[in-house]
Amino acid sequence: MARLLSSNAVLKAIATLPAALSSRNVIGSFYPSGLKYSTSVPGDPDTHEDFRPTNKIQSSDVSLKDVVEQDVKENPVMIYMKGVPDFPQCGFSSLAVRVLKHYNVPLSARNILEDAELKGAVKAFSHWPTFPQIFIKGEFIGGSDIILNMHQNGELKEKLKDIAGSPKLE
């Protein structure tokens, strides 16, 4: 019969393994509550500059609010997501992209994981805290759950019907 081991007993057992005793560096640190990992923080002296977040939108003349406004205005379907449409980095972003691609509409996207300031600007613009965020014809629609619901009840087909490149809309 199996028995439940305390986390301290498990951590002590792991620490005695030959791999743990080697001179190799370990990515995490052991704490009584488990492993602790650090994240890349701007200005953190322990983070190599190659891995620090960078601002991909670099222009002193244009604010991030202006960038978001321009994105939403100029792109019939705009999605702010984790990852990019060809390689989403979260299930919700993946779901939103799959639903939108079903309609064969031109899809514009920005990866919010590349720029924390852009992520904040999008949240402030839409007054919505989560991602992905989808805008259609300049209007904030919502996230993947909203898009999926609209797809299932036919509202999304109606919303996208006059956007060029959508021959799948019968």
Protein backbone atom coordinates (compact mmCIF):
# COMPACT_ATOMS: atom_id res chain seq x y z
CA MET A 1 0.00 0.00 0.00
CA ALA A 2 1.31 3.44 -0.91
CA ARG A 3 1.73 6.05 1.73
CA LEU A 4 1.89 9.81 1.46
CA LEU A 5 5.32 11.30 2.07
CA SER A 6 5.74 14.77 3.47
CA SER A 7 7.25 17.33 1.12
CA ASN A 8 10.31 17.62 3.40
CA ALA A 9 10.96 13.88 3.18
CA VAL A 10 10.70 13.98 -0.60
CA LEU A 11 13.01 16.99 -0.86
CA LYS A 12 15.58 15.36 1.46
CA ALA A 13 15.46 12.19 -0.65
CA ILE A 14 15.94 14.15 -3.85
CA ALA A 15 18.86 16.04 -2.34
CA THR A 16 20.70 12.75 -1.68
CA LEU A 17 20.48 11.59 -5.31
CA PRO A 18 23.83 11.51 -7.13
CA ALA A 19 22.65 14.07 -9.68
CA ALA A 20 21.76 16.48 -6.91
CA LEU A 21 25.19 16.06 -5.34
CA SER A 22 27.05 16.81 -8.57
CA SER A 23 28.76 20.12 -9.20
CA ARG A 24 26.17 21.15 -11.81
CA ASN A 25 24.04 24.22 -11.20
CA VAL A 26 20.36 23.61 -10.55
CA ILE A 27 17.80 25.97 -12.11
CA GLY A 28 15.61 26.14 -9.00
CA SER A 29 16.26 26.33 -5.27
CA PHE A 30 14.79 23.96 -2.71
CA TYR A 31 12.48 25.45 -0.11
CA PRO A 32 10.27 23.63 2.41
CA SER A 33 7.26 24.41 0.22
CA GLY A 34 8.96 23.10 -2.94
CA LEU A 35 10.99 24.55 -5.81
CA LYS A 36 11.25 28.28 -6.31
CA TYR A 37 12.10 29.72 -9.71
CA SER A 38 13.03 33.27 -10.48
CA THR A 39 11.51 35.17 -13.36
CA SER A 40 13.18 37.67 -15.62
CA VAL A 41 12.74 41.09 -14.08
CA PRO A 42 14.00 44.29 -15.74
CA GLY A 43 16.95 45.61 -13.76
CA ASP A 44 17.51 42.29 -11.97
CA PRO A 45 21.29 41.86 -11.67
CA ASP A 46 20.88 38.05 -11.75
CA THR A 47 19.30 38.11 -15.21
CA HIS A 48 21.55 38.15 -18.24
CA GLU A 49 20.69 41.00 -20.62
CA ASP A 50 19.96 38.50 -23.44
CA PHE A 51 16.97 37.25 -21.46
CA ARG A 52 15.59 40.51 -20.15
CA PRO A 53 12.29 41.67 -21.68
CA THR A 54 12.67 44.29 -24.36
CA ASN A 55 10.26 46.88 -25.62
CA LYS A 56 9.60 45.82 -29.23
CA ILE A 57 7.80 49.07 -30.01
CA GLN A 58 10.50 51.67 -29.83
CA SER A 59 9.51 55.14 -30.80
CA SER A 60 9.63 58.20 -28.59
CA ASP A 61 6.97 59.89 -30.73
CA VAL A 62 4.30 57.21 -30.33
CA SER A 63 2.84 56.09 -27.00
CA LEU A 64 1.72 52.51 -26.43
CA LYS A 65 -1.85 53.77 -26.12
CA ASP A 66 -1.51 55.21 -29.63
CA VAL A 67 -0.08 51.91 -30.90
CA VAL A 68 -3.06 49.99 -29.51
CA GLU A 69 -5.54 52.51 -30.92
CA GLN A 70 -3.86 52.33 -34.33
CA ASP A 71 -3.80 48.49 -34.26
CA VAL A 72 -7.49 48.30 -33.44
CA LYS A 73 -8.46 50.97 -35.98
CA GLU A 74 -6.38 49.69 -38.92
CA ASN A 75 -6.91 45.93 -38.55
CA PRO A 76 -10.38 44.43 -39.07
CA VAL A 77 -9.53 41.53 -36.75
CA MET A 78 -6.91 42.26 -34.11
CA ILE A 79 -5.89 39.85 -31.36
CA TYR A 80 -3.57 40.55 -28.46
CA MET A 81 -2.44 37.14 -27.35
CA LYS A 82 0.19 35.04 -25.64
CA GLY A 83 2.37 33.94 -28.53
CA VAL A 84 1.61 34.40 -32.22
CA PRO A 85 -1.16 32.86 -34.36
CA ASP A 86 1.18 30.21 -35.78
CA PHE A 87 2.55 29.38 -32.32
CA PRO A 88 0.14 30.29 -29.50
CA GLN A 89 1.65 29.97 -26.04
CA CYS A 90 -1.53 29.39 -24.07
CA GLY A 91 -4.64 27.31 -24.57
CA PHE A 92 -7.01 30.27 -24.56
CA SER A 93 -5.00 32.08 -27.24
CA SER A 94 -4.85 28.86 -29.26
CA LEU A 95 -8.63 28.43 -29.05
CA ALA A 96 -9.28 32.02 -30.14
CA VAL A 97 -6.96 31.67 -33.14
CA ARG A 98 -8.53 28.36 -34.21
CA VAL A 99 -12.04 29.84 -34.09
CA LEU A 100 -11.01 32.96 -36.03
CA LYS A 101 -9.05 30.96 -38.64
CA HIS A 102 -12.21 28.94 -39.30
CA TYR A 103 -13.63 32.08 -40.94
CA ASN A 104 -10.56 32.68 -43.13
CA VAL A 105 -10.36 36.37 -42.21
CA PRO A 106 -7.12 38.37 -42.19
CA LEU A 107 -5.86 38.13 -38.63
CA SER A 108 -3.48 40.67 -37.10
CA ALA A 109 -1.84 39.90 -33.77
CA ARG A 110 0.65 41.12 -31.19
CA ASN A 111 2.42 38.89 -28.69
CA ILE A 112 1.88 40.47 -25.27
CA LEU A 113 4.55 38.22 -23.74
CA GLU A 114 7.23 40.22 -25.56
CA ASP A 115 6.38 43.53 -23.92
CA ALA A 116 4.94 43.93 -20.42
CA GLU A 117 4.23 47.61 -21.05
CA LEU A 118 2.19 46.78 -24.16
CA LYS A 119 0.24 44.23 -22.11
CA GLY A 120 -0.61 46.96 -19.59
CA ALA A 121 -1.57 49.41 -22.34
CA VAL A 122 -3.97 46.88 -23.89
CA LYS A 123 -5.58 46.20 -20.51
CA ALA A 124 -6.02 49.93 -19.93
CA PHE A 125 -7.44 50.44 -23.43
CA SER A 126 -10.05 47.68 -23.19
CA HIS A 127 -10.68 47.82 -19.43
CA TRP A 128 -10.37 44.01 -19.50
CA PRO A 129 -7.84 42.11 -17.36
CA THR A 130 -7.27 38.85 -19.25
CA PHE A 131 -5.84 37.67 -22.56
CA PRO A 132 -6.38 36.98 -25.39
CA GLN A 133 -8.25 40.15 -26.29
CA ILE A 134 -10.03 40.24 -29.64
CA PHE A 135 -11.14 43.38 -31.47
CA ILE A 136 -13.32 43.16 -34.59
CA LYS A 137 -13.84 46.29 -36.73
CA GLY A 138 -12.53 48.47 -33.90
CA GLU A 139 -14.86 47.00 -31.28
CA PHE A 140 -13.60 45.06 -28.27
CA ILE A 141 -15.29 41.66 -28.35
CA GLY A 142 -13.68 39.79 -25.46
CA GLY A 143 -11.62 36.66 -25.04
CA SER A 144 -11.66 33.09 -26.29
CA ASP A 145 -14.79 32.14 -24.34
CA ILE A 146 -16.76 34.99 -25.92
CA ILE A 147 -15.48 34.21 -29.43
CA LEU A 148 -16.32 30.51 -29.00
CA ASN A 149 -19.83 31.35 -27.77
CA MET A 150 -20.38 33.76 -30.68
CA HIS A 151 -19.15 31.08 -33.12
CA GLN A 152 -21.53 28.49 -31.65
CA ASN A 153 -24.60 30.74 -31.81
CA GLY A 154 -23.83 32.27 -35.24
CA GLU A 155 -23.08 35.82 -34.06
CA LEU A 156 -19.42 35.63 -35.09
CA LYS A 157 -20.32 34.63 -38.66
CA GLU A 158 -22.56 37.69 -38.89
CA LYS A 159 -19.91 39.97 -37.35
CA LEU A 160 -17.23 38.82 -39.82
CA LYS A 161 -19.35 38.56 -42.98
CA ASP A 162 -18.16 41.76 -44.66
CA ILE A 163 -14.44 41.34 -43.89
CA ALA A 164 -12.45 40.54 -47.04
CA GLY A 165 -10.98 37.08 -47.43
CA SER A 166 -13.78 35.16 -45.78
CA PRO A 167 -15.13 32.76 -48.46
CA LYS A 168 -15.86 30.07 -45.83
CA LEU A 169 -18.83 32.13 -44.63
CA GLU A 170 -21.74 30.45 -46.36
